[in-house]
Amino acid sequence: MLDKRKVVIIGAGHVGSHVAMALCFQGTCDEIAFIDIDREKAVANCYDVADACLFLGSTTKIKVGDYEDCRDADIIVNSIGMPRKPGQTRLDMLDDSIRMLNDVVENLKPIDFKGIFVSITNPADVIANYARVHLGLPRERCFSTGTSLDTARLKRTVSELANIDRKSVTTCAIGEHGDSSFGAACADICKAIFHDEKRVIPASVLLEGEYGIDGVACGVPCVIGRNGIEDIIELELNDKEKEQMAHTCSVIKDYCERAEK
């Protein structure tokens, strides 16, 4: 599967192009294909990333493609979505995101996609779960970046308060992903997959009894390697943390039910 490392990015906007740039910076993949309903935007961002790669010495091939490119893709990155308006939360973006995702699902259903689907569209936990259900993919092959960025922010904050290097901070934010947009966290997950690193990274995955939760996708520490999510790490939570975990999962569950409606 990994002879030619190919990533398809669906949604060639601000976030999608940043994911592509991060992949190129890391030299993570050999080919990137952009798919976007706005082909002119996709072409413009494709050229921007390709031009920047000339200064990096990157050999990554970047193009504007179509859904046929998903047939032999190792990873699909879902970064569709509308820009967040002032005062709007991630969960307020649900209706637009589901409407756009339905179009993606209909285009992907006829494709015999054998790779891994990583979603970064907000609300992250709900959208990834919706995609998993409607594409009929197992949980290890369809998940969200979840609380990866939240964990990075937590590590930075702790390192600044304690005045120690952030690499020396071991911590993990779990539960629902908070407000943000990002590219580097997604590229880091792609790297872990391509290199079969089996590295512990927070991701939003369907829980099937882990943490006492069943049938809800939320951010938890996962072992990520060539097969996607290869294991879920269960941290020991105190009573208050268990209560908070149950609450955040109930919020996600409510929005997942709204998405189906």
C-alpha atoms as a PDB file:
ATOM      1  CA  MET A   1       0.000   0.000   0.000  1.00  0.00           C
ATOM      2  CA  LEU A   2       2.830   2.384   0.800  1.00  0.00           C
ATOM      3  CA  ASP A   3       4.924   2.088  -2.388  1.00  0.00           C
ATOM      4  CA  LYS A   4       3.656   5.471  -3.593  1.00  0.00           C
ATOM      5  CA  ARG A   5       2.478   7.530  -0.645  1.00  0.00           C
ATOM      6  CA  LYS A   6      -0.587   9.397  -1.902  1.00  0.00           C
ATOM      7  CA  VAL A   7      -2.827  11.823  -0.015  1.00  0.00           C
ATOM      8  CA  VAL A   8      -6.069  13.271  -1.368  1.00  0.00           C
ATOM      9  CA  ILE A   9      -7.256  16.490   0.294  1.00  0.00           C
ATOM     10  CA  ILE A  10     -10.974  17.173  -0.154  1.00  0.00           C
ATOM     11  CA  GLY A  11     -11.488  20.884   0.370  1.00  0.00           C
ATOM     12  CA  ALA A  12      -8.720  23.075  -1.026  1.00  0.00           C
ATOM     13  CA  GLY A  13      -9.349  26.120   1.137  1.00  0.00           C
ATOM     14  CA  HIS A  14      -7.271  27.733   3.879  1.00  0.00           C
ATOM     15  CA  VAL A  15      -7.024  24.642   6.085  1.00  0.00           C
ATOM     16  CA  GLY A  16      -6.613  22.126   3.269  1.00  0.00           C
ATOM     17  CA  SER A  17      -3.762  24.073   1.682  1.00  0.00           C
ATOM     18  CA  HIS A  18      -2.033  24.369   5.077  1.00  0.00           C
ATOM     19  CA  VAL A  19      -2.263  20.591   5.490  1.00  0.00           C
ATOM     20  CA  ALA A  20      -0.641  20.181   2.076  1.00  0.00           C
ATOM     21  CA  MET A  21       2.129  22.593   2.991  1.00  0.00           C
ATOM     22  CA  ALA A  22       2.805  20.779   6.273  1.00  0.00           C
ATOM     23  CA  LEU A  23       2.965  17.446   4.421  1.00  0.00           C
ATOM     24  CA  CYS A  24       5.490  18.924   2.003  1.00  0.00           C
ATOM     25  CA  PHE A  25       7.578  20.460   4.797  1.00  0.00           C
ATOM     26  CA  GLN A  26       7.856  17.039   6.415  1.00  0.00           C
ATOM     27  CA  GLY A  27       8.398  15.146   3.170  1.00  0.00           C
ATOM     28  CA  THR A  28       5.615  12.858   4.329  1.00  0.00           C
ATOM     29  CA  CYS A  29       4.128  11.821   0.980  1.00  0.00           C
ATOM     30  CA  ASP A  30       4.977  11.502  -2.720  1.00  0.00           C
ATOM     31  CA  GLU A  31       1.739  12.835  -4.196  1.00  0.00           C
ATOM     32  CA  ILE A  32      -1.031  15.202  -3.108  1.00  0.00           C
ATOM     33  CA  ALA A  33      -4.276  15.657  -5.034  1.00  0.00           C
ATOM     34  CA  PHE A  34      -6.680  18.497  -4.248  1.00  0.00           C
ATOM     35  CA  ILE A  35     -10.423  18.057  -4.792  1.00  0.00           C
ATOM     36  CA  ASP A  36     -12.753  21.028  -4.489  1.00  0.00           C
ATOM     37  CA  ILE A  37     -16.106  22.007  -5.975  1.00  0.00           C
ATOM     38  CA  ASP A  38     -14.467  25.381  -6.698  1.00  0.00           C
ATOM     39  CA  ARG A  39     -11.856  24.183  -9.188  1.00  0.00           C
ATOM     40  CA  GLU A  40     -10.347  27.651  -9.726  1.00  0.00           C
ATOM     41  CA  LYS A  41      -9.628  27.952  -5.993  1.00  0.00           C
ATOM     42  CA  ALA A  42      -8.122  24.463  -5.995  1.00  0.00           C
ATOM     43  CA  VAL A  43      -5.845  25.331  -8.926  1.00  0.00           C
ATOM     44  CA  ALA A  44      -4.711  28.580  -7.263  1.00  0.00           C
ATOM     45  CA  ASN A  45      -3.854  26.914  -3.957  1.00  0.00           C
ATOM     46  CA  CYS A  46      -2.251  23.980  -5.749  1.00  0.00           C
ATOM     47  CA  TYR A  47       0.103  26.359  -7.559  1.00  0.00           C
ATOM     48  CA  ASP A  48       0.867  28.251  -4.327  1.00  0.00           C
ATOM     49  CA  VAL A  49       1.915  25.071  -2.524  1.00  0.00           C
ATOM     50  CA  ALA A  50       3.823  23.748  -5.539  1.00  0.00           C
ATOM     51  CA  ASP A  51       5.710  27.038  -5.910  1.00  0.00           C
ATOM     52  CA  ALA A  52       6.652  27.056  -2.221  1.00  0.00           C
ATOM     53  CA  CYS A  53       7.938  23.498  -2.541  1.00  0.00           C
ATOM     54  CA  LEU A  54      10.552  24.656  -5.032  1.00  0.00           C
ATOM     55  CA  PHE A  55      12.337  26.403  -2.162  1.00  0.00           C
ATOM     56  CA  LEU A  56      12.092  23.355   0.094  1.00  0.00           C
ATOM     57  CA  GLY A  57      13.719  20.859  -2.210  1.00  0.00           C
ATOM     58  CA  SER A  58      10.497  18.851  -1.879  1.00  0.00           C
ATOM     59  CA  THR A  59       9.821  16.181  -4.500  1.00  0.00           C
ATOM     60  CA  THR A  60       6.128  15.881  -3.645  1.00  0.00           C
ATOM     61  CA  LYS A  61       3.935  15.981  -6.748  1.00  0.00           C
ATOM     62  CA  ILE A  62       0.921  18.271  -6.266  1.00  0.00           C
ATOM     63  CA  LYS A  63      -2.083  18.419  -8.573  1.00  0.00           C
ATOM     64  CA  VAL A  64      -5.783  19.183  -8.808  1.00  0.00           C
ATOM     65  CA  GLY A  65      -7.641  15.916  -9.231  1.00  0.00           C
ATOM     66  CA  ASP A  66     -11.080  14.361  -8.912  1.00  0.00           C
ATOM     67  CA  TYR A  67     -12.702  11.574  -6.933  1.00  0.00           C
ATOM     68  CA  GLU A  68     -11.049   8.903  -9.088  1.00  0.00           C
ATOM     69  CA  ASP A  69      -7.824   9.905  -7.329  1.00  0.00           C
ATOM     70  CA  CYS A  70      -9.306   8.448  -4.139  1.00  0.00           C
ATOM     71  CA  ARG A  71      -9.265   4.962  -5.627  1.00  0.00           C
ATOM     72  CA  ASP A  72      -5.523   4.488  -5.030  1.00  0.00           C
ATOM     73  CA  ALA A  73      -5.095   7.025  -2.213  1.00  0.00           C
ATOM     74  CA  ASP A  74      -3.504   5.870   1.034  1.00  0.00           C
ATOM     75  CA  ILE A  75      -5.095   8.714   3.014  1.00  0.00           C
ATOM     76  CA  ILE A  76      -8.047  11.001   2.358  1.00  0.00           C
ATOM     77  CA  VAL A  77      -8.056  14.226   4.363  1.00  0.00           C
ATOM     78  CA  ASN A  78     -11.509  15.760   4.686  1.00  0.00           C
ATOM     79  CA  SER A  79     -11.164  19.531   5.124  1.00  0.00           C
ATOM     80  CA  ILE A  80     -14.418  20.793   3.625  1.00  0.00           C
ATOM     81  CA  GLY A  81     -16.327  23.530   5.388  1.00  0.00           C
ATOM     82  CA  MET A  82     -17.491  27.131   5.452  1.00  0.00           C
ATOM     83  CA  PRO A  83     -15.419  29.850   7.141  1.00  0.00           C
ATOM     84  CA  ARG A  84     -16.515  30.401  10.739  1.00  0.00           C
ATOM     85  CA  LYS A  85     -18.441  33.648  11.204  1.00  0.00           C
ATOM     86  CA  PRO A  86     -17.791  36.006  14.161  1.00  0.00           C
ATOM     87  CA  GLY A  87     -19.415  34.631  17.311  1.00  0.00           C
ATOM     88  CA  GLN A  88     -20.121  31.266  15.688  1.00  0.00           C
ATOM     89  CA  THR A  89     -19.044  28.098  17.496  1.00  0.00           C
ATOM     90  CA  ARG A  90     -17.885  24.874  15.879  1.00  0.00           C
ATOM     91  CA  LEU A  91     -21.199  23.223  16.635  1.00  0.00           C
ATOM     92  CA  ASP A  92     -23.038  26.103  14.947  1.00  0.00           C
ATOM     93  CA  MET A  93     -21.283  25.017  11.752  1.00  0.00           C
ATOM     94  CA  LEU A  94     -22.855  21.555  11.815  1.00  0.00           C
ATOM     95  CA  ASP A  95     -25.634  22.050   9.263  1.00  0.00           C
ATOM     96  CA  ASP A  96     -23.370  23.491   6.551  1.00  0.00           C
ATOM     97  CA  SER A  97     -20.716  20.853   7.190  1.00  0.00           C
ATOM     98  CA  ILE A  98     -23.208  17.962   6.962  1.00  0.00           C
ATOM     99  CA  ARG A  99     -24.684  19.348   3.744  1.00  0.00           C
ATOM    100  CA  MET A 100     -21.223  19.513   2.162  1.00  0.00           C
ATOM    101  CA  LEU A 101     -20.199  16.136   3.565  1.00  0.00           C
ATOM    102  CA  ASN A 102     -23.235  14.455   2.003  1.00  0.00           C
ATOM    103  CA  ASP A 103     -21.875  15.462  -1.403  1.00  0.00           C
ATOM    104  CA  VAL A 104     -18.479  13.977  -0.517  1.00  0.00           C
ATOM    105  CA  VAL A 105     -20.083  10.737   0.666  1.00  0.00           C
ATOM    106  CA  GLU A 106     -22.113  10.339  -2.525  1.00  0.00           C
ATOM    107  CA  ASN A 107     -18.990  10.793  -4.648  1.00  0.00           C
ATOM    108  CA  LEU A 108     -16.924   8.380  -2.548  1.00  0.00           C
ATOM    109  CA  LYS A 109     -19.472   5.563  -2.297  1.00  0.00           C
ATOM    110  CA  PRO A 110     -18.814   4.212  -5.830  1.00  0.00           C
ATOM    111  CA  ILE A 111     -15.039   4.325  -5.199  1.00  0.00           C
ATOM    112  CA  ASP A 112     -13.375   1.218  -3.804  1.00  0.00           C
ATOM    113  CA  PHE A 113     -11.348   3.221  -1.306  1.00  0.00           C
ATOM    114  CA  LYS A 114      -9.035   0.997   0.744  1.00  0.00           C
ATOM    115  CA  GLY A 115      -7.105   3.656   2.650  1.00  0.00           C
ATOM    116  CA  ILE A 116      -7.636   5.759   5.758  1.00  0.00           C
ATOM    117  CA  PHE A 117     -10.072   8.690   6.067  1.00  0.00           C
ATOM    118  CA  VAL A 118      -8.908  11.488   8.387  1.00  0.00           C
ATOM    119  CA  SER A 119     -11.366  14.327   8.968  1.00  0.00           C
ATOM    120  CA  ILE A 120     -10.533  17.798  10.246  1.00  0.00           C
ATOM    121  CA  THR A 121     -13.834  19.508   9.397  1.00  0.00           C
ATOM    122  CA  ASN A 122     -15.663  21.090  12.345  1.00  0.00           C
ATOM    123  CA  PRO A 123     -17.387  19.983  14.458  1.00  0.00           C
ATOM    124  CA  ALA A 124     -14.601  17.418  14.298  1.00  0.00           C
ATOM    125  CA  ASP A 125     -16.009  14.585  16.418  1.00  0.00           C
ATOM    126  CA  VAL A 126     -19.476  14.710  14.855  1.00  0.00           C
ATOM    127  CA  ILE A 127     -18.342  14.996  11.239  1.00  0.00           C
ATOM    128  CA  ALA A 128     -15.852  12.130  11.473  1.00  0.00           C
ATOM    129  CA  ASN A 129     -18.484   9.897  13.037  1.00  0.00           C
ATOM    130  CA  TYR A 130     -21.034  10.818  10.342  1.00  0.00           C
ATOM    131  CA  ALA A 131     -18.504  10.027   7.612  1.00  0.00           C
ATOM    132  CA  ARG A 132     -17.648   6.686   9.218  1.00  0.00           C
ATOM    133  CA  VAL A 133     -21.294   5.644   9.412  1.00  0.00           C
ATOM    134  CA  HIS A 134     -22.258   6.726   5.904  1.00  0.00           C
ATOM    135  CA  LEU A 135     -19.123   5.433   4.197  1.00  0.00           C
ATOM    136  CA  GLY A 136     -19.371   2.137   6.043  1.00  0.00           C
ATOM    137  CA  LEU A 137     -15.770   2.250   7.230  1.00  0.00           C
ATOM    138  CA  PRO A 138     -14.404   0.553  10.374  1.00  0.00           C
ATOM    139  CA  ARG A 139     -13.441   2.859  13.227  1.00  0.00           C
ATOM    140  CA  GLU A 140      -9.706   2.279  12.783  1.00  0.00           C
ATOM    141  CA  ARG A 141      -9.870   3.638   9.208  1.00  0.00           C
ATOM    142  CA  CYS A 142     -12.129   6.669   9.739  1.00  0.00           C
ATOM    143  CA  PHE A 143     -11.424   9.153  12.497  1.00  0.00           C
ATOM    144  CA  SER A 144     -10.733  12.802  13.283  1.00  0.00           C
ATOM    145  CA  THR A 145      -7.675  14.675  14.467  1.00  0.00           C
ATOM    146  CA  GLY A 146      -9.807  15.225  17.577  1.00  0.00           C
ATOM    147  CA  THR A 147      -7.932  16.673  20.540  1.00  0.00           C
ATOM    148  CA  SER A 148      -4.460  16.683  18.945  1.00  0.00           C
ATOM    149  CA  LEU A 149      -4.362  20.465  18.805  1.00  0.00           C
ATOM    150  CA  ASP A 150      -5.956  20.796  22.247  1.00  0.00           C
ATOM    151  CA  THR A 151      -3.160  18.583  23.599  1.00  0.00           C
ATOM    152  CA  ALA A 152      -0.501  20.698  21.886  1.00  0.00           C
ATOM    153  CA  ARG A 153      -1.985  23.841  23.434  1.00  0.00           C
ATOM    154  CA  LEU A 154      -2.114  22.190  26.845  1.00  0.00           C
ATOM    155  CA  LYS A 155       1.547  21.144  26.600  1.00  0.00           C
ATOM    156  CA  ARG A 156       2.580  24.653  25.562  1.00  0.00           C
ATOM    157  CA  THR A 157       0.674  26.213  28.464  1.00  0.00           C
ATOM    158  CA  VAL A 158       2.110  23.797  31.038  1.00  0.00           C
ATOM    159  CA  SER A 159       5.641  24.263  29.703  1.00  0.00           C
ATOM    160  CA  GLU A 160       5.326  28.048  29.921  1.00  0.00           C
ATOM    161  CA  LEU A 161       3.920  27.963  33.454  1.00  0.00           C
ATOM    162  CA  ALA A 162       6.535  25.459  34.670  1.00  0.00           C
ATOM    163  CA  ASN A 163       9.364  26.995  32.615  1.00  0.00           C
ATOM    164  CA  ILE A 164      10.409  23.662  31.118  1.00  0.00           C
ATOM    165  CA  ASP A 165      10.794  22.425  27.549  1.00  0.00           C
ATOM    166  CA  ARG A 166       7.439  21.374  26.113  1.00  0.00           C
ATOM    167  CA  LYS A 167       8.963  18.096  24.913  1.00  0.00           C
ATOM    168  CA  SER A 168       9.356  17.179  28.575  1.00  0.00           C
ATOM    169  CA  VAL A 169       5.618  17.599  29.221  1.00  0.00           C
ATOM    170  CA  THR A 170       3.563  14.400  29.015  1.00  0.00           C
ATOM    171  CA  THR A 171      -0.156  15.100  28.977  1.00  0.00           C
ATOM    172  CA  CYS A 172      -3.257  14.496  26.888  1.00  0.00           C
ATOM    173  CA  ALA A 173      -6.506  16.401  26.415  1.00  0.00           C
ATOM    174  CA  ILE A 174      -9.433  14.049  25.906  1.00  0.00           C
ATOM    175  CA  GLY A 175     -13.104  14.469  25.044  1.00  0.00           C
ATOM    176  CA  GLU A 176     -14.609  16.948  22.588  1.00  0.00           C
ATOM    177  CA  HIS A 177     -12.359  18.983  20.310  1.00  0.00           C
ATOM    178  CA  GLY A 178     -12.481  22.724  21.056  1.00  0.00           C
ATOM    179  CA  ASP A 179     -12.671  25.666  18.631  1.00  0.00           C
ATOM    180  CA  SER A 180      -9.789  25.776  16.144  1.00  0.00           C
ATOM    181  CA  SER A 181      -8.492  25.270  12.626  1.00  0.00           C
ATOM    182  CA  PHE A 182      -5.113  23.735  11.885  1.00  0.00           C
ATOM    183  CA  GLY A 183      -2.885  21.794   9.448  1.00  0.00           C
ATOM    184  CA  ALA A 184       0.197  20.532  11.322  1.00  0.00           C
ATOM    185  CA  ALA A 185      -1.706  18.074  13.566  1.00  0.00           C
ATOM    186  CA  CYS A 186      -3.227  16.349  10.535  1.00  0.00           C
ATOM    187  CA  ALA A 187       0.154  16.115   8.804  1.00  0.00           C
ATOM    188  CA  ASP A 188       1.593  14.565  11.969  1.00  0.00           C
ATOM    189  CA  ILE A 189      -1.070  11.839  11.889  1.00  0.00           C
ATOM    190  CA  CYS A 190      -0.364  11.190   8.188  1.00  0.00           C
ATOM    191  CA  LYS A 191       3.325  10.832   9.012  1.00  0.00           C
ATOM    192  CA  ALA A 192       2.553   8.296  11.753  1.00  0.00           C
ATOM    193  CA  ILE A 193       0.504   6.261   9.263  1.00  0.00           C
ATOM    194  CA  PHE A 194       2.998   6.300   6.402  1.00  0.00           C
ATOM    195  CA  HIS A 195       5.958   5.436   8.634  1.00  0.00           C
ATOM    196  CA  ASP A 196       4.014   2.896  10.708  1.00  0.00           C
ATOM    197  CA  GLU A 197       5.252   4.707  13.815  1.00  0.00           C
ATOM    198  CA  LYS A 198       2.722   3.179  16.219  1.00  0.00           C
ATOM    199  CA  ARG A 199       2.924   6.481  18.082  1.00  0.00           C
ATOM    200  CA  VAL A 200       0.420   7.626  20.708  1.00  0.00           C
ATOM    201  CA  ILE A 201      -1.508  10.599  19.310  1.00  0.00           C
ATOM    202  CA  PRO A 202      -4.879  11.981  20.452  1.00  0.00           C
ATOM    203  CA  ALA A 203      -7.594  11.321  17.852  1.00  0.00           C
ATOM    204  CA  SER A 204     -11.377  11.220  17.792  1.00  0.00           C
ATOM    205  CA  VAL A 205     -12.499   7.613  17.319  1.00  0.00           C
ATOM    206  CA  LEU A 206     -15.674   5.634  17.968  1.00  0.00           C
ATOM    207  CA  LEU A 207     -15.591   4.239  21.497  1.00  0.00           C
ATOM    208  CA  GLU A 208     -16.873   0.705  22.004  1.00  0.00           C
ATOM    209  CA  GLY A 209     -16.749   0.388  25.765  1.00  0.00           C
ATOM    210  CA  GLU A 210     -13.495   2.252  26.365  1.00  0.00           C
ATOM    211  CA  TYR A 211     -13.796   4.802  29.206  1.00  0.00           C
ATOM    212  CA  GLY A 212     -17.212   3.281  29.922  1.00  0.00           C
ATOM    213  CA  ILE A 213     -18.571   4.922  26.754  1.00  0.00           C
ATOM    214  CA  ASP A 214     -20.210   3.056  23.887  1.00  0.00           C
ATOM    215  CA  GLY A 215     -21.310   4.336  20.486  1.00  0.00           C
ATOM    216  CA  VAL A 216     -19.806   7.846  20.706  1.00  0.00           C
ATOM    217  CA  ALA A 217     -16.725   9.214  18.929  1.00  0.00           C
ATOM    218  CA  CYS A 218     -14.497  11.532  20.947  1.00  0.00           C
ATOM    219  CA  GLY A 219     -10.845  12.444  21.414  1.00  0.00           C
ATOM    220  CA  VAL A 220      -8.720   9.881  23.254  1.00  0.00           C
ATOM    221  CA  PRO A 221      -5.053   8.831  23.059  1.00  0.00           C
ATOM    222  CA  CYS A 222      -4.618   6.297  20.259  1.00  0.00           C
ATOM    223  CA  VAL A 223      -1.770   4.208  18.863  1.00  0.00           C
ATOM    224  CA  ILE A 224      -1.545   5.221  15.204  1.00  0.00           C
ATOM    225  CA  GLY A 225       0.335   3.234  12.581  1.00  0.00           C
ATOM    226  CA  ARG A 226       0.019   1.830   9.065  1.00  0.00           C
ATOM    227  CA  ASN A 227      -3.469   0.451   9.718  1.00  0.00           C
ATOM    228  CA  GLY A 228      -4.795   3.695  11.157  1.00  0.00           C
ATOM    229  CA  ILE A 229      -5.883   3.486  14.776  1.00  0.00           C
ATOM    230  CA  GLU A 230      -4.308   0.277  16.049  1.00  0.00           C
ATOM    231  CA  ASP A 231      -5.125   0.626  19.736  1.00  0.00           C
ATOM    232  CA  ILE A 232      -6.875   2.949  22.180  1.00  0.00           C
ATOM    233  CA  ILE A 233      -5.109   3.928  25.387  1.00  0.00           C
ATOM    234  CA  GLU A 234      -7.388   4.086  28.428  1.00  0.00           C
ATOM    235  CA  LEU A 235      -6.143   6.590  30.987  1.00  0.00           C
ATOM    236  CA  GLU A 236      -7.145   6.227  34.620  1.00  0.00           C
ATOM    237  CA  LEU A 237      -9.629   8.992  35.388  1.00  0.00           C
ATOM    238  CA  ASN A 238     -10.756  10.270  38.766  1.00  0.00           C
ATOM    239  CA  ASP A 239     -14.453  10.685  39.564  1.00  0.00           C
ATOM    240  CA  LYS A 240     -14.615  14.300  38.411  1.00  0.00           C
ATOM    241  CA  GLU A 241     -12.842  13.488  35.150  1.00  0.00           C
ATOM    242  CA  LYS A 242     -15.222  10.580  34.547  1.00  0.00           C
ATOM    243  CA  GLU A 243     -18.140  12.962  35.062  1.00  0.00           C
ATOM    244  CA  GLN A 244     -16.638  15.474  32.637  1.00  0.00           C
ATOM    245  CA  MET A 245     -15.969  12.720  30.092  1.00  0.00           C
ATOM    246  CA  ALA A 246     -19.568  11.532  30.299  1.00  0.00           C
ATOM    247  CA  HIS A 247     -20.820  15.098  29.850  1.00  0.00           C
ATOM    248  CA  THR A 248     -18.679  15.852  26.794  1.00  0.00           C
ATOM    249  CA  CYS A 249     -19.744  12.559  25.197  1.00  0.00           C
ATOM    250  CA  SER A 250     -23.406  13.382  25.808  1.00  0.00           C
ATOM    251  CA  VAL A 251     -22.903  16.704  23.972  1.00  0.00           C
ATOM    252  CA  ILE A 252     -21.276  14.913  21.034  1.00  0.00           C
ATOM    253  CA  LYS A 253     -24.037  12.267  20.982  1.00  0.00           C
ATOM    254  CA  ASP A 254     -26.747  14.938  20.846  1.00  0.00           C
ATOM    255  CA  TYR A 255     -25.117  16.595  17.852  1.00  0.00           C
ATOM    256  CA  CYS A 256     -24.543  13.253  16.107  1.00  0.00           C
ATOM    257  CA  GLU A 257     -28.284  12.614  16.386  1.00  0.00           C
ATOM    258  CA  ARG A 258     -28.976  16.092  15.025  1.00  0.00           C
ATOM    259  CA  ALA A 259     -26.623  15.391  12.095  1.00  0.00           C
ATOM    260  CA  GLU A 260     -28.613  12.292  11.150  1.00  0.00           C
ATOM    261  CA  LYS A 261     -31.818  14.326  11.149  1.00  0.00           C
END
